[in-house]
PDB file of N, CA and C in Angstrom:
ATOM      1  N   MET A   1       6.013  -7.103 -10.457  1.00  0.00           N
ATOM      2  CA  MET A   1       4.893  -7.224  -9.547  1.00  0.00           C
ATOM      3  C   MET A   1       4.138  -8.512  -9.879  1.00  0.00           C
ATOM      4  N   ARG A   2       3.890  -9.283  -8.833  1.00  0.00           N
ATOM      5  CA  ARG A   2       3.207 -10.557  -9.063  1.00  0.00           C
ATOM      6  C   ARG A   2       1.714 -10.338  -9.277  1.00  0.00           C
ATOM      7  N   ASP A   3       1.198 -10.971 -10.338  1.00  0.00           N
ATOM      8  CA  ASP A   3      -0.217 -10.821 -10.691  1.00  0.00           C
ATOM      9  C   ASP A   3      -1.142 -11.343  -9.600  1.00  0.00           C
ATOM     10  N   ASP A   4      -0.755 -12.445  -8.944  1.00  0.00           N
ATOM     11  CA  ASP A   4      -1.618 -12.997  -7.903  1.00  0.00           C
ATOM     12  C   ASP A   4      -1.714 -12.050  -6.710  1.00  0.00           C
ATOM     13  N   TYR A   5      -0.627 -11.375  -6.351  1.00  0.00           N
ATOM     14  CA  TYR A   5      -0.666 -10.401  -5.263  1.00  0.00           C
ATOM     15  C   TYR A   5      -1.513  -9.200  -5.656  1.00  0.00           C
ATOM     16  N   LEU A   6      -1.347  -8.754  -6.890  1.00  0.00           N
ATOM     17  CA  LEU A   6      -2.120  -7.605  -7.362  1.00  0.00           C
ATOM     18  C   LEU A   6      -3.615  -7.904  -7.348  1.00  0.00           C
ATOM     19  N   SER A   7      -3.995  -9.075  -7.824  1.00  0.00           N
ATOM     20  CA  SER A   7      -5.416  -9.461  -7.837  1.00  0.00           C
ATOM     21  C   SER A   7      -5.986  -9.527  -6.427  1.00  0.00           C
ATOM     22  N   ALA A   8      -5.225 -10.092  -5.507  1.00  0.00           N
ATOM     23  CA  ALA A   8      -5.697 -10.200  -4.121  1.00  0.00           C
ATOM     24  C   ALA A   8      -5.789  -8.826  -3.464  1.00  0.00           C
ATOM     25  N   ALA A   9      -4.839  -7.947  -3.745  1.00  0.00           N
ATOM     26  CA  ALA A   9      -4.861  -6.592  -3.168  1.00  0.00           C
ATOM     27  C   ALA A   9      -6.033  -5.786  -3.713  1.00  0.00           C
ATOM     28  N   GLN A  10      -6.413  -6.031  -4.965  1.00  0.00           N
ATOM     29  CA  GLN A  10      -7.552  -5.328  -5.555  1.00  0.00           C
ATOM     30  C   GLN A  10      -8.864  -5.724  -4.890  1.00  0.00           C
ATOM     31  N   LYS A  11      -8.906  -6.848  -4.257  1.00  0.00           N
ATOM     32  CA  LYS A  11     -10.104  -7.246  -3.517  1.00  0.00           C
ATOM     33  C   LYS A  11     -10.196  -6.499  -2.190  1.00  0.00           C
ATOM     34  N   VAL A  12      -9.047  -6.071  -1.667  1.00  0.00           N
ATOM     35  CA  VAL A  12      -9.012  -5.324  -0.409  1.00  0.00           C
ATOM     36  C   VAL A  12      -9.241  -3.838  -0.667  1.00  0.00           C
ATOM     37  N   ILE A  13      -8.539  -3.288  -1.647  1.00  0.00           N
ATOM     38  CA  ILE A  13      -8.690  -1.875  -2.041  1.00  0.00           C
ATOM     39  C   ILE A  13      -9.185  -1.883  -3.477  1.00  0.00           C
ATOM     40  N   GLU A  14     -10.473  -1.695  -3.647  1.00  0.00           N
ATOM     41  CA  GLU A  14     -11.091  -1.874  -4.954  1.00  0.00           C
ATOM     42  C   GLU A  14     -10.801  -0.745  -5.943  1.00  0.00           C
ATOM     43  N   ASP A  15     -10.627   0.479  -5.461  1.00  0.00           N
ATOM     44  CA  ASP A  15     -10.353   1.611  -6.345  1.00  0.00           C
ATOM     45  C   ASP A  15      -8.898   1.542  -6.801  1.00  0.00           C
ATOM     46  N   PRO A  16      -8.661   1.361  -8.119  1.00  0.00           N
ATOM     47  CA  PRO A  16      -7.282   1.206  -8.595  1.00  0.00           C
ATOM     48  C   PRO A  16      -6.399   2.425  -8.318  1.00  0.00           C
ATOM     49  N   ASN A  17      -6.966   3.617  -8.356  1.00  0.00           N
ATOM     50  CA  ASN A  17      -6.179   4.823  -8.076  1.00  0.00           C
ATOM     51  C   ASN A  17      -5.714   4.857  -6.624  1.00  0.00           C
ATOM     52  N   VAL A  18      -6.589   4.481  -5.723  1.00  0.00           N
ATOM     53  CA  VAL A  18      -6.225   4.442  -4.302  1.00  0.00           C
ATOM     54  C   VAL A  18      -5.178   3.353  -4.074  1.00  0.00           C
ATOM     55  N   LEU A  19      -5.359   2.199  -4.694  1.00  0.00           N
ATOM     56  CA  LEU A  19      -4.400   1.106  -4.548  1.00  0.00           C
ATOM     57  C   LEU A  19      -3.013   1.541  -5.020  1.00  0.00           C
ATOM     58  N   ILE A  20      -2.935   2.190  -6.153  1.00  0.00           N
ATOM     59  CA  ILE A  20      -1.652   2.674  -6.681  1.00  0.00           C
ATOM     60  C   ILE A  20      -1.007   3.640  -5.699  1.00  0.00           C
ATOM     61  N   ASN A  21      -1.789   4.550  -5.152  1.00  0.00           N
ATOM     62  CA  ASN A  21      -1.235   5.528  -4.221  1.00  0.00           C
ATOM     63  C   ASN A  21      -0.750   4.883  -2.924  1.00  0.00           C
ATOM     64  N   VAL A  22      -1.504   3.933  -2.395  1.00  0.00           N
ATOM     65  CA  VAL A  22      -1.113   3.260  -1.161  1.00  0.00           C
ATOM     66  C   VAL A  22       0.170   2.457  -1.389  1.00  0.00           C
ATOM     67  N   VAL A  23       0.222   1.705  -2.481  1.00  0.00           N
ATOM     68  CA  VAL A  23       1.409   0.904  -2.787  1.00  0.00           C
ATOM     69  C   VAL A  23       2.612   1.820  -3.016  1.00  0.00           C
ATOM     70  N   SER A  24       2.418   2.883  -3.757  1.00  0.00           N
ATOM     71  CA  SER A  24       3.512   3.814  -4.056  1.00  0.00           C
ATOM     72  C   SER A  24       4.104   4.421  -2.787  1.00  0.00           C
ATOM     73  N   ARG A  25       3.246   4.865  -1.904  1.00  0.00           N
ATOM     74  CA  ARG A  25       3.718   5.466  -0.649  1.00  0.00           C
ATOM     75  C   ARG A  25       4.462   4.443   0.200  1.00  0.00           C
ATOM     76  N   ARG A  26       3.937   3.222   0.262  1.00  0.00           N
ATOM     77  CA  ARG A  26       4.581   2.189   1.080  1.00  0.00           C
ATOM     78  C   ARG A  26       5.925   1.761   0.469  1.00  0.00           C
ATOM     79  N   VAL A  27       5.993   1.682  -0.863  1.00  0.00           N
ATOM     80  CA  VAL A  27       7.249   1.325  -1.529  1.00  0.00           C
ATOM     81  C   VAL A  27       8.326   2.361  -1.193  1.00  0.00           C
ATOM     82  N   LYS A  28       7.965   3.631  -1.212  1.00  0.00           N
ATOM     83  CA  LYS A  28       8.928   4.683  -0.850  1.00  0.00           C
ATOM     84  C   LYS A  28       9.430   4.485   0.574  1.00  0.00           C
ATOM     85  N   GLN A  29       8.517   4.143   1.485  1.00  0.00           N
ATOM     86  CA  GLN A  29       8.910   3.909   2.875  1.00  0.00           C
ATOM     87  C   GLN A  29       9.857   2.718   2.983  1.00  0.00           C
ATOM     88  N   LEU A  30       9.546   1.648   2.276  1.00  0.00           N
ATOM     89  CA  LEU A  30      10.383   0.447   2.331  1.00  0.00           C
ATOM     90  C   LEU A  30      11.770   0.717   1.753  1.00  0.00           C
ATOM     91  N   LYS A  31      11.819   1.470   0.670  1.00  0.00           N
ATOM     92  CA  LYS A  31      13.109   1.766   0.035  1.00  0.00           C
ATOM     93  C   LYS A  31      13.953   2.716   0.878  1.00  0.00           C
ATOM     94  N   ARG A  32      13.314   3.488   1.745  1.00  0.00           N
ATOM     95  CA  ARG A  32      14.054   4.367   2.669  1.00  0.00           C
ATOM     96  C   ARG A  32      14.546   3.604   3.890  1.00  0.00           C
ATOM     97  N   GLY A  33      14.179   2.344   3.996  1.00  0.00           N
ATOM     98  CA  GLY A  33      14.696   1.528   5.085  1.00  0.00           C
ATOM     99  C   GLY A  33      13.690   1.089   6.124  1.00  0.00           C
ATOM    100  N   ASN A  34      12.423   1.451   5.965  1.00  0.00           N
ATOM    101  CA  ASN A  34      11.414   0.970   6.911  1.00  0.00           C
ATOM    102  C   ASN A  34      11.313  -0.551   6.818  1.00  0.00           C
ATOM    103  N   ARG A  35      11.088  -1.172   7.947  1.00  0.00           N
ATOM    104  CA  ARG A  35      11.001  -2.624   8.007  1.00  0.00           C
ATOM    105  C   ARG A  35       9.679  -3.126   7.440  1.00  0.00           C
ATOM    106  N   ALA A  36       9.742  -4.240   6.738  1.00  0.00           N
ATOM    107  CA  ALA A  36       8.530  -4.869   6.204  1.00  0.00           C
ATOM    108  C   ALA A  36       7.683  -5.404   7.347  1.00  0.00           C
ATOM    109  N   LEU A  37       6.381  -5.357   7.170  1.00  0.00           N
ATOM    110  CA  LEU A  37       5.441  -5.820   8.189  1.00  0.00           C
ATOM    111  C   LEU A  37       5.014  -7.274   7.976  1.00  0.00           C
ATOM    112  N   VAL A  38       5.519  -7.880   6.910  1.00  0.00           N
ATOM    113  CA  VAL A  38       5.223  -9.287   6.620  1.00  0.00           C
ATOM    114  C   VAL A  38       6.545 -10.025   6.437  1.00  0.00           C
ATOM    115  N   GLU A  39       6.524 -11.293   6.740  1.00  0.00           N
ATOM    116  CA  GLU A  39       7.704 -12.131   6.541  1.00  0.00           C
ATOM    117  C   GLU A  39       7.503 -12.989   5.313  1.00  0.00           C
ATOM    118  N   SER A  40       8.610 -13.266   4.641  1.00  0.00           N
ATOM    119  CA  SER A  40       8.532 -14.098   3.451  1.00  0.00           C
ATOM    120  C   SER A  40       9.788 -14.956   3.357  1.00  0.00           C
ATOM    121  N   LEU A  41       9.616 -16.182   2.942  1.00  0.00           N
ATOM    122  CA  LEU A  41      10.753 -17.067   2.754  1.00  0.00           C
ATOM    123  C   LEU A  41      11.493 -16.734   1.460  1.00  0.00           C
ATOM    124  N   GLU A  42      10.793 -16.084   0.547  1.00  0.00           N
ATOM    125  CA  GLU A  42      11.426 -15.689  -0.715  1.00  0.00           C
ATOM    126  C   GLU A  42      11.741 -14.191  -0.689  1.00  0.00           C
ATOM    127  N   LYS A  43      12.662 -13.774  -1.521  1.00  0.00           N
ATOM    128  CA  LYS A  43      13.034 -12.363  -1.603  1.00  0.00           C
ATOM    129  C   LYS A  43      11.985 -11.646  -2.469  1.00  0.00           C
ATOM    130  N   LEU A  44      11.221 -10.750  -1.841  1.00  0.00           N
ATOM    131  CA  LEU A  44      10.178 -10.017  -2.560  1.00  0.00           C
ATOM    132  C   LEU A  44      10.654  -8.610  -2.889  1.00  0.00           C
ATOM    133  N   SER A  45      10.161  -8.083  -4.005  1.00  0.00           N
ATOM    134  CA  SER A  45      10.432  -6.685  -4.332  1.00  0.00           C
ATOM    135  C   SER A  45       9.650  -5.808  -3.355  1.00  0.00           C
ATOM    136  N   ALA A  46      10.009  -4.547  -3.295  1.00  0.00           N
ATOM    137  CA  ALA A  46       9.290  -3.615  -2.418  1.00  0.00           C
ATOM    138  C   ALA A  46       7.814  -3.544  -2.812  1.00  0.00           C
ATOM    139  N   GLU A  47       7.531  -3.599  -4.098  1.00  0.00           N
ATOM    140  CA  GLU A  47       6.144  -3.549  -4.571  1.00  0.00           C
ATOM    141  C   GLU A  47       5.359  -4.772  -4.101  1.00  0.00           C
ATOM    142  N   ASP A  48       5.955  -5.942  -4.231  1.00  0.00           N
ATOM    143  CA  ASP A  48       5.274  -7.163  -3.790  1.00  0.00           C
ATOM    144  C   ASP A  48       5.099  -7.190  -2.276  1.00  0.00           C
ATOM    145  N   THR A  49       6.089  -6.677  -1.563  1.00  0.00           N
ATOM    146  CA  THR A  49       5.975  -6.602  -0.106  1.00  0.00           C
ATOM    147  C   THR A  49       4.811  -5.703   0.286  1.00  0.00           C
ATOM    148  N   ALA A  50       4.694  -4.543  -0.368  1.00  0.00           N
ATOM    149  CA  ALA A  50       3.591  -3.623  -0.080  1.00  0.00           C
ATOM    150  C   ALA A  50       2.244  -4.282  -0.373  1.00  0.00           C
ATOM    151  N   LEU A  51       2.151  -4.999  -1.482  1.00  0.00           N
ATOM    152  CA  LEU A  51       0.902  -5.684  -1.823  1.00  0.00           C
ATOM    153  C   LEU A  51       0.569  -6.745  -0.772  1.00  0.00           C
ATOM    154  N   ARG A  52       1.563  -7.523  -0.329  1.00  0.00           N
ATOM    155  CA  ARG A  52       1.331  -8.528   0.705  1.00  0.00           C
ATOM    156  C   ARG A  52       0.861  -7.889   2.001  1.00  0.00           C
ATOM    157  N   GLU A  53       1.434  -6.728   2.343  1.00  0.00           N
ATOM    158  CA  GLU A  53       1.011  -6.030   3.553  1.00  0.00           C
ATOM    159  C   GLU A  53      -0.453  -5.616   3.457  1.00  0.00           C
ATOM    160  N   ILE A  54      -0.874  -5.182   2.290  1.00  0.00           N
ATOM    161  CA  ILE A  54      -2.284  -4.809   2.082  1.00  0.00           C
ATOM    162  C   ILE A  54      -3.166  -6.052   2.193  1.00  0.00           C
ATOM    163  N   ILE A  55      -2.776  -7.115   1.520  1.00  0.00           N
ATOM    164  CA  ILE A  55      -3.554  -8.355   1.519  1.00  0.00           C
ATOM    165  C   ILE A  55      -3.744  -8.884   2.936  1.00  0.00           C
ATOM    166  N   GLU A  56      -2.681  -8.827   3.729  1.00  0.00           N
ATOM    167  CA  GLU A  56      -2.726  -9.375   5.083  1.00  0.00           C
ATOM    168  C   GLU A  56      -3.270  -8.394   6.114  1.00  0.00           C
ATOM    169  N   GLY A  57      -3.703  -7.219   5.652  1.00  0.00           N
ATOM    170  CA  GLY A  57      -4.313  -6.246   6.559  1.00  0.00           C
ATOM    171  C   GLY A  57      -3.327  -5.552   7.476  1.00  0.00           C
ATOM    172  N   LYS A  58      -2.064  -5.538   7.112  1.00  0.00           N
ATOM    173  CA  LYS A  58      -1.026  -4.917   7.943  1.00  0.00           C
ATOM    174  C   LYS A  58      -0.977  -3.402   7.767  1.00  0.00           C
ATOM    175  N   ILE A  59      -1.417  -2.917   6.606  1.00  0.00           N
ATOM    176  CA  ILE A  59      -1.489  -1.470   6.384  1.00  0.00           C
ATOM    177  C   ILE A  59      -2.872  -1.125   5.857  1.00  0.00           C
ATOM    178  N   SER A  60      -3.290   0.081   6.146  1.00  0.00           N
ATOM    179  CA  SER A  60      -4.600   0.540   5.702  1.00  0.00           C
ATOM    180  C   SER A  60      -4.454   1.969   5.201  1.00  0.00           C
ATOM    181  N   TYR A  61      -5.548   2.561   4.842  1.00  0.00           N
ATOM    182  CA  TYR A  61      -5.533   3.926   4.336  1.00  0.00           C
ATOM    183  C   TYR A  61      -6.787   4.637   4.803  1.00  0.00           C
ATOM    184  N   GLU A  62      -6.748   5.946   4.731  1.00  0.00           N
ATOM    185  CA  GLU A  62      -7.900   6.757   5.083  1.00  0.00           C
ATOM    186  C   GLU A  62      -7.983   7.885   4.067  1.00  0.00           C
ATOM    187  N   LEU A  63      -9.125   8.024   3.428  1.00  0.00           N
ATOM    188  CA  LEU A  63      -9.296   9.091   2.445  1.00  0.00           C
ATOM    189  C   LEU A  63      -9.527  10.419   3.154  1.00  0.00           C
ATOM    190  N   ALA A  64      -8.951  11.465   2.606  1.00  0.00           N
ATOM    191  CA  ALA A  64      -9.122  12.803   3.169  1.00  0.00           C
ATOM    192  C   ALA A  64     -10.558  13.275   2.945  1.00  0.00           C
ATOM    193  N   THR A  65     -11.094  13.980   3.935  1.00  0.00           N
ATOM    194  CA  THR A  65     -12.430  14.550   3.797  1.00  0.00           C
ATOM    195  C   THR A  65     -12.309  15.951   3.199  1.00  0.00           C
ATOM    196  N   ALA A  66     -13.409  16.545   2.830  1.00  0.00           N
ATOM    197  CA  ALA A  66     -13.410  17.884   2.293  1.00  0.00           C
ATOM    198  C   ALA A  66     -12.872  18.883   3.336  1.00  0.00           C
ATOM    199  N   ASP A  67     -13.197  18.652   4.605  1.00  0.00           N
ATOM    200  CA  ASP A  67     -12.694  19.498   5.677  1.00  0.00           C
ATOM    201  C   ASP A  67     -11.176  19.407   5.798  1.00  0.00           C
ATOM    202  N   ASP A  68     -10.655  18.184   5.667  1.00  0.00           N
ATOM    203  CA  ASP A  68      -9.189  17.993   5.729  1.00  0.00           C
ATOM    204  C   ASP A  68      -8.508  18.759   4.600  1.00  0.00           C
ATOM    205  N   LEU A  69      -9.077  18.665   3.416  1.00  0.00           N
ATOM    206  CA  LEU A  69      -8.483  19.346   2.266  1.00  0.00           C
ATOM    207  C   LEU A  69      -8.553  20.848   2.404  1.00  0.00           C
ATOM    208  N   ALA A  70      -9.668  21.353   2.938  1.00  0.00           N
ATOM    209  CA  ALA A  70      -9.819  22.792   3.134  1.00  0.00           C
ATOM    210  C   ALA A  70      -8.817  23.296   4.180  1.00  0.00           C
ATOM    211  N   ALA A  71      -8.617  22.523   5.236  1.00  0.00           N
ATOM    212  CA  ALA A  71      -7.684  22.914   6.295  1.00  0.00           C
ATOM    213  C   ALA A  71      -6.247  22.915   5.778  1.00  0.00           C
ATOM    214  N   ALA A  72      -5.939  21.988   4.892  1.00  0.00           N
ATOM    215  CA  ALA A  72      -4.590  21.897   4.338  1.00  0.00           C
ATOM    216  C   ALA A  72      -4.286  23.065   3.393  1.00  0.00           C
ATOM    217  N   GLY A  73      -5.327  23.596   2.798  1.00  0.00           N
ATOM    218  CA  GLY A  73      -5.157  24.709   1.855  1.00  0.00           C
ATOM    219  C   GLY A  73      -4.974  26.058   2.516  1.00  0.00           C
ATOM    220  N   ARG A  74      -5.166  26.134   3.821  1.00  0.00           N
ATOM    221  CA  ARG A  74      -5.050  27.406   4.532  1.00  0.00           C
ATOM    222  C   ARG A  74      -3.625  27.803   4.723  1.00  0.00           C
TER     223      ARG A  74
END
């Protein structure tokens, strides 16, 4: 994982736990064959691709509310 991408992504998603979860979920999607949302002239790892997508605003996240969690537990 490139340090410069990680630093830039941390400015977009400041909570490190949320950043890890977003990157992890996107890496799984990319490894299953989903197409990258960013173009690169160099060959990037799935992790770096996910970080670039976050940096460029191509993917976002939404935190679950207490109501969402309660509904999921039913």
